[in-house]
Amino acid sequence: MPGPKKRPTYSPEYKKRLVDLCRAGRTPKSLAKEFGVHETTIRVWWKRAEVDDGVVDGVTTDERTELARLRRENAQLREEREILKKFAAWSAQEANWTPSKRSGS
């Protein structure tokens, strides 16, 4: 049984070329027919380039990358903090532990 279709990957230069053609007046639909890339994909590249180049407001690719990195780092720090809290509680419990005295000796 075949697995899910793998999405094709395109180089940044290729994406830029198609975006430049859009900016020059070509439609994503005509480019999709000519280059075999889905029209929606070209539109996404175009919109992303518009944000990255400051033509329209939005979160740039660099900002998205940084945000993802910070979220991963934040999750890791939260996990480490929880581990340290558990260790601190365990250490405090161990420090207060005293062996029980035997009454039969």
N, C-alpha and C. Protein backbone atom coordinates (compact mmCIF):
# COMPACT_ATOMS: atom_id res chain seq x y z
N MET A 1 0.85 -1.18 0.00
CA MET A 1 0.00 0.00 0.00
C MET A 1 0.89 1.24 0.00
N PRO A 2 0.73 2.12 -0.95
CA PRO A 2 1.58 3.31 -1.04
C PRO A 2 1.29 4.28 0.10
N GLY A 3 2.36 4.95 0.55
CA GLY A 3 2.22 5.94 1.62
C GLY A 3 1.68 7.24 1.09
N PRO A 4 1.57 8.22 1.97
CA PRO A 4 1.06 9.53 1.54
C PRO A 4 2.02 10.17 0.55
N LYS A 5 1.44 10.98 -0.33
CA LYS A 5 2.27 11.68 -1.31
C LYS A 5 3.20 12.65 -0.61
N LYS A 6 4.43 12.68 -1.08
CA LYS A 6 5.41 13.61 -0.52
C LYS A 6 5.33 14.91 -1.30
N ARG A 7 5.32 16.01 -0.58
CA ARG A 7 5.27 17.31 -1.24
C ARG A 7 6.61 17.59 -1.90
N PRO A 8 6.57 18.14 -3.09
CA PRO A 8 7.84 18.50 -3.72
C PRO A 8 8.47 19.68 -2.99
N THR A 9 9.79 19.73 -3.00
CA THR A 9 10.48 20.86 -2.40
C THR A 9 11.07 21.72 -3.51
N TYR A 10 11.03 23.00 -3.30
CA TYR A 10 11.51 23.95 -4.30
C TYR A 10 12.59 24.82 -3.67
N SER A 11 13.58 25.15 -4.43
CA SER A 11 14.66 25.99 -3.92
C SER A 11 14.16 27.42 -3.72
N PRO A 12 14.81 28.15 -2.82
CA PRO A 12 14.44 29.55 -2.63
C PRO A 12 14.56 30.36 -3.93
N GLU A 13 15.56 30.03 -4.73
CA GLU A 13 15.75 30.75 -6.01
C GLU A 13 14.56 30.51 -6.95
N TYR A 14 14.08 29.28 -6.99
CA TYR A 14 12.94 28.94 -7.84
C TYR A 14 11.69 29.69 -7.38
N LYS A 15 11.46 29.69 -6.07
CA LYS A 15 10.31 30.41 -5.53
C LYS A 15 10.40 31.89 -5.85
N LYS A 16 11.60 32.46 -5.67
CA LYS A 16 11.80 33.87 -5.95
C LYS A 16 11.52 34.19 -7.42
N ARG A 17 11.95 33.31 -8.30
CA ARG A 17 11.72 33.52 -9.74
C ARG A 17 10.23 33.58 -10.04
N LEU A 18 9.45 32.67 -9.47
CA LEU A 18 8.01 32.68 -9.72
C LEU A 18 7.35 33.90 -9.08
N VAL A 19 7.81 34.29 -7.90
CA VAL A 19 7.26 35.49 -7.25
C VAL A 19 7.58 36.72 -8.09
N ASP A 20 8.81 36.79 -8.61
CA ASP A 20 9.18 37.93 -9.46
C ASP A 20 8.31 37.98 -10.71
N LEU A 21 7.98 36.82 -11.26
CA LEU A 21 7.09 36.79 -12.43
C LEU A 21 5.69 37.29 -12.07
N CYS A 22 5.22 36.94 -10.87
CA CYS A 22 3.92 37.45 -10.41
C CYS A 22 3.97 38.97 -10.29
N ARG A 23 5.04 39.46 -9.70
CA ARG A 23 5.18 40.90 -9.53
C ARG A 23 5.29 41.62 -10.87
N ALA A 24 5.76 40.92 -11.87
CA ALA A 24 5.90 41.50 -13.20
C ALA A 24 4.58 41.47 -13.97
N GLY A 25 3.54 40.88 -13.35
CA GLY A 25 2.23 40.91 -13.99
C GLY A 25 1.67 39.56 -14.39
N ARG A 26 2.44 38.50 -14.26
CA ARG A 26 1.93 37.17 -14.59
C ARG A 26 0.99 36.73 -13.48
N THR A 27 -0.02 35.96 -13.83
CA THR A 27 -0.94 35.45 -12.82
C THR A 27 -0.45 34.12 -12.27
N PRO A 28 -0.75 33.84 -11.02
CA PRO A 28 -0.38 32.54 -10.47
C PRO A 28 -0.98 31.39 -11.28
N LYS A 29 -2.15 31.61 -11.83
CA LYS A 29 -2.80 30.56 -12.62
C LYS A 29 -1.98 30.24 -13.87
N SER A 30 -1.52 31.27 -14.58
CA SER A 30 -0.72 31.02 -15.79
C SER A 30 0.62 30.39 -15.45
N LEU A 31 1.22 30.82 -14.34
CA LEU A 31 2.49 30.24 -13.91
C LEU A 31 2.31 28.79 -13.49
N ALA A 32 1.19 28.49 -12.85
CA ALA A 32 0.91 27.11 -12.43
C ALA A 32 0.85 26.19 -13.65
N LYS A 33 0.19 26.64 -14.69
CA LYS A 33 0.10 25.83 -15.91
C LYS A 33 1.47 25.65 -16.56
N GLU A 34 2.24 26.72 -16.60
CA GLU A 34 3.53 26.68 -17.27
C GLU A 34 4.59 25.89 -16.50
N PHE A 35 4.61 26.04 -15.17
CA PHE A 35 5.68 25.45 -14.38
C PHE A 35 5.27 24.19 -13.61
N GLY A 36 3.98 23.88 -13.60
CA GLY A 36 3.54 22.66 -12.93
C GLY A 36 3.52 22.75 -11.42
N VAL A 37 3.46 23.96 -10.90
CA VAL A 37 3.35 24.18 -9.45
C VAL A 37 1.91 24.62 -9.20
N HIS A 38 1.31 24.11 -8.13
CA HIS A 38 -0.08 24.44 -7.85
C HIS A 38 -0.25 25.94 -7.67
N GLU A 39 -1.34 26.45 -8.20
CA GLU A 39 -1.63 27.89 -8.14
C GLU A 39 -1.63 28.42 -6.71
N THR A 40 -2.22 27.67 -5.79
CA THR A 40 -2.28 28.08 -4.40
C THR A 40 -0.88 28.19 -3.80
N THR A 41 -0.01 27.28 -4.16
CA THR A 41 1.37 27.31 -3.67
C THR A 41 2.05 28.60 -4.10
N ILE A 42 1.87 28.97 -5.35
CA ILE A 42 2.47 30.21 -5.86
C ILE A 42 1.91 31.42 -5.12
N ARG A 43 0.61 31.41 -4.88
CA ARG A 43 -0.01 32.52 -4.14
C ARG A 43 0.56 32.64 -2.73
N VAL A 44 0.77 31.50 -2.07
CA VAL A 44 1.35 31.51 -0.72
C VAL A 44 2.75 32.09 -0.76
N TRP A 45 3.57 31.66 -1.74
CA TRP A 45 4.93 32.21 -1.87
C TRP A 45 4.89 33.72 -2.09
N TRP A 46 3.97 34.15 -2.94
CA TRP A 46 3.85 35.56 -3.27
C TRP A 46 3.48 36.37 -2.02
N LYS A 47 2.46 35.91 -1.29
CA LYS A 47 2.04 36.62 -0.08
C LYS A 47 3.16 36.65 0.95
N ARG A 48 3.87 35.54 1.12
CA ARG A 48 4.98 35.48 2.08
C ARG A 48 6.07 36.47 1.68
N ALA A 49 6.37 36.55 0.38
CA ALA A 49 7.39 37.49 -0.11
C ALA A 49 6.96 38.94 0.13
N GLU A 50 5.68 39.21 -0.02
CA GLU A 50 5.16 40.56 0.20
C GLU A 50 5.37 40.97 1.67
N VAL A 51 5.14 40.05 2.58
CA VAL A 51 5.34 40.33 4.01
C VAL A 51 6.84 40.47 4.30
N ASP A 52 7.63 39.51 3.81
CA ASP A 52 9.08 39.53 4.08
C ASP A 52 9.74 40.80 3.54
N ASP A 53 9.24 41.31 2.42
CA ASP A 53 9.82 42.50 1.81
C ASP A 53 9.22 43.80 2.35
N GLY A 54 8.30 43.69 3.30
CA GLY A 54 7.71 44.87 3.92
C GLY A 54 6.66 45.57 3.08
N VAL A 55 6.20 44.92 2.03
CA VAL A 55 5.16 45.52 1.19
C VAL A 55 3.83 45.55 1.94
N VAL A 56 3.56 44.48 2.68
CA VAL A 56 2.35 44.41 3.51
C VAL A 56 2.76 44.03 4.93
N ASP A 57 1.92 44.41 5.88
CA ASP A 57 2.20 44.08 7.28
C ASP A 57 1.96 42.60 7.54
N GLY A 58 2.73 42.08 8.47
CA GLY A 58 2.57 40.69 8.88
C GLY A 58 3.84 40.20 9.54
N VAL A 59 3.81 38.95 9.96
CA VAL A 59 4.96 38.34 10.61
C VAL A 59 5.86 37.77 9.53
N THR A 60 7.11 38.23 9.51
CA THR A 60 8.03 37.79 8.46
C THR A 60 8.50 36.36 8.73
N THR A 61 9.11 35.77 7.73
CA THR A 61 9.65 34.42 7.85
C THR A 61 10.69 34.35 8.96
N ASP A 62 11.56 35.36 9.04
CA ASP A 62 12.57 35.39 10.09
C ASP A 62 11.92 35.46 11.47
N GLU A 63 10.87 36.27 11.58
CA GLU A 63 10.17 36.38 12.86
C GLU A 63 9.48 35.07 13.22
N ARG A 64 8.91 34.40 12.24
CA ARG A 64 8.27 33.10 12.48
C ARG A 64 9.29 32.08 12.97
N THR A 65 10.46 32.09 12.34
CA THR A 65 11.53 31.16 12.73
C THR A 65 11.98 31.44 14.16
N GLU A 66 12.17 32.71 14.48
CA GLU A 66 12.58 33.10 15.82
C GLU A 66 11.51 32.75 16.85
N LEU A 67 10.26 32.98 16.51
CA LEU A 67 9.15 32.66 17.41
C LEU A 67 9.10 31.16 17.69
N ALA A 68 9.27 30.35 16.66
CA ALA A 68 9.27 28.89 16.85
C ALA A 68 10.42 28.47 17.75
N ARG A 69 11.60 29.06 17.54
CA ARG A 69 12.77 28.74 18.37
C ARG A 69 12.51 29.12 19.82
N LEU A 70 11.95 30.31 20.04
CA LEU A 70 11.67 30.76 21.39
C LEU A 70 10.61 29.89 22.08
N ARG A 71 9.63 29.43 21.32
CA ARG A 71 8.60 28.55 21.90
C ARG A 71 9.21 27.21 22.32
N ARG A 72 10.10 26.67 21.48
CA ARG A 72 10.78 25.42 21.84
C ARG A 72 11.63 25.61 23.10
N GLU A 73 12.36 26.72 23.13
CA GLU A 73 13.23 27.02 24.28
C GLU A 73 12.39 27.21 25.53
N ASN A 74 11.27 27.90 25.42
CA ASN A 74 10.38 28.13 26.55
C ASN A 74 9.85 26.80 27.09
N ALA A 75 9.45 25.91 26.19
CA ALA A 75 8.94 24.61 26.61
C ALA A 75 10.02 23.82 27.35
N GLN A 76 11.23 23.88 26.85
CA GLN A 76 12.34 23.17 27.47
C GLN A 76 12.62 23.75 28.87
N LEU A 77 12.61 25.06 28.98
CA LEU A 77 12.86 25.70 30.27
C LEU A 77 11.76 25.36 31.28
N ARG A 78 10.51 25.31 30.82
CA ARG A 78 9.41 24.93 31.72
C ARG A 78 9.59 23.50 32.23
N GLU A 79 10.00 22.61 31.31
CA GLU A 79 10.22 21.22 31.68
C GLU A 79 11.36 21.12 32.70
N GLU A 80 12.44 21.84 32.46
CA GLU A 80 13.58 21.82 33.39
C GLU A 80 13.18 22.38 34.75
N ARG A 81 12.37 23.43 34.76
CA ARG A 81 11.91 24.02 36.02
C ARG A 81 11.09 23.01 36.81
N GLU A 82 10.22 22.27 36.12
CA GLU A 82 9.41 21.26 36.80
C GLU A 82 10.28 20.17 37.40
N ILE A 83 11.30 19.75 36.67
CA ILE A 83 12.23 18.73 37.18
C ILE A 83 12.95 19.24 38.41
N LEU A 84 13.41 20.50 38.36
CA LEU A 84 14.11 21.08 39.50
C LEU A 84 13.19 21.21 40.72
N LYS A 85 11.93 21.57 40.50
CA LYS A 85 10.97 21.67 41.61
C LYS A 85 10.79 20.31 42.27
N LYS A 86 10.66 19.28 41.44
CA LYS A 86 10.47 17.93 41.99
C LYS A 86 11.72 17.48 42.74
N PHE A 87 12.89 17.80 42.19
CA PHE A 87 14.13 17.44 42.87
C PHE A 87 14.26 18.18 44.19
N ALA A 88 13.92 19.47 44.20
CA ALA A 88 14.01 20.26 45.43
C ALA A 88 13.08 19.69 46.49
N ALA A 89 11.87 19.29 46.11
CA ALA A 89 10.94 18.71 47.08
C ALA A 89 11.48 17.38 47.60
N TRP A 90 12.01 16.58 46.70
CA TRP A 90 12.58 15.29 47.11
C TRP A 90 13.77 15.50 48.05
N SER A 91 14.64 16.46 47.71
CA SER A 91 15.82 16.74 48.54
C SER A 91 15.42 17.20 49.93
N ALA A 92 14.42 18.06 50.00
CA ALA A 92 13.94 18.55 51.30
C ALA A 92 13.38 17.40 52.12
N GLN A 93 12.67 16.50 51.48
CA GLN A 93 12.10 15.35 52.16
C GLN A 93 13.23 14.43 52.67
N GLU A 94 14.24 14.23 51.84
CA GLU A 94 15.37 13.39 52.24
C GLU A 94 16.16 14.02 53.38
N ALA A 95 16.31 15.32 53.39
CA ALA A 95 17.07 16.02 54.43
C ALA A 95 16.36 15.91 55.78
N ASN A 96 15.06 15.84 55.77
CA ASN A 96 14.28 15.76 57.00
C ASN A 96 14.05 14.32 57.44
N TRP A 97 14.46 13.38 56.67
CA TRP A 97 14.24 11.97 57.00
C TRP A 97 15.19 11.53 58.09
N THR A 98 14.65 10.89 59.07
CA THR A 98 15.48 10.31 60.13
C THR A 98 15.11 8.85 60.28
N PRO A 99 16.10 8.00 60.43
CA PRO A 99 15.76 6.58 60.56
C PRO A 99 14.96 6.34 61.84
N SER A 100 14.04 5.41 61.76
CA SER A 100 13.23 5.13 62.94
C SER A 100 14.08 4.36 63.96
N LYS A 101 13.88 4.67 65.20
CA LYS A 101 14.63 4.02 66.28
C LYS A 101 13.96 2.70 66.62
N ARG A 102 14.79 1.72 66.81
CA ARG A 102 14.25 0.42 67.19
C ARG A 102 13.99 0.42 68.70
N SER A 103 12.87 -0.07 69.09
CA SER A 103 12.52 -0.04 70.50
C SER A 103 12.95 -1.31 71.23
N GLY A 104 13.42 -2.30 70.53
CA GLY A 104 13.75 -3.56 71.17
C GLY A 104 15.20 -3.71 71.58
N SER A 105 16.03 -2.70 71.49
CA SER A 105 17.45 -2.89 71.80
C SER A 105 17.86 -2.40 73.12
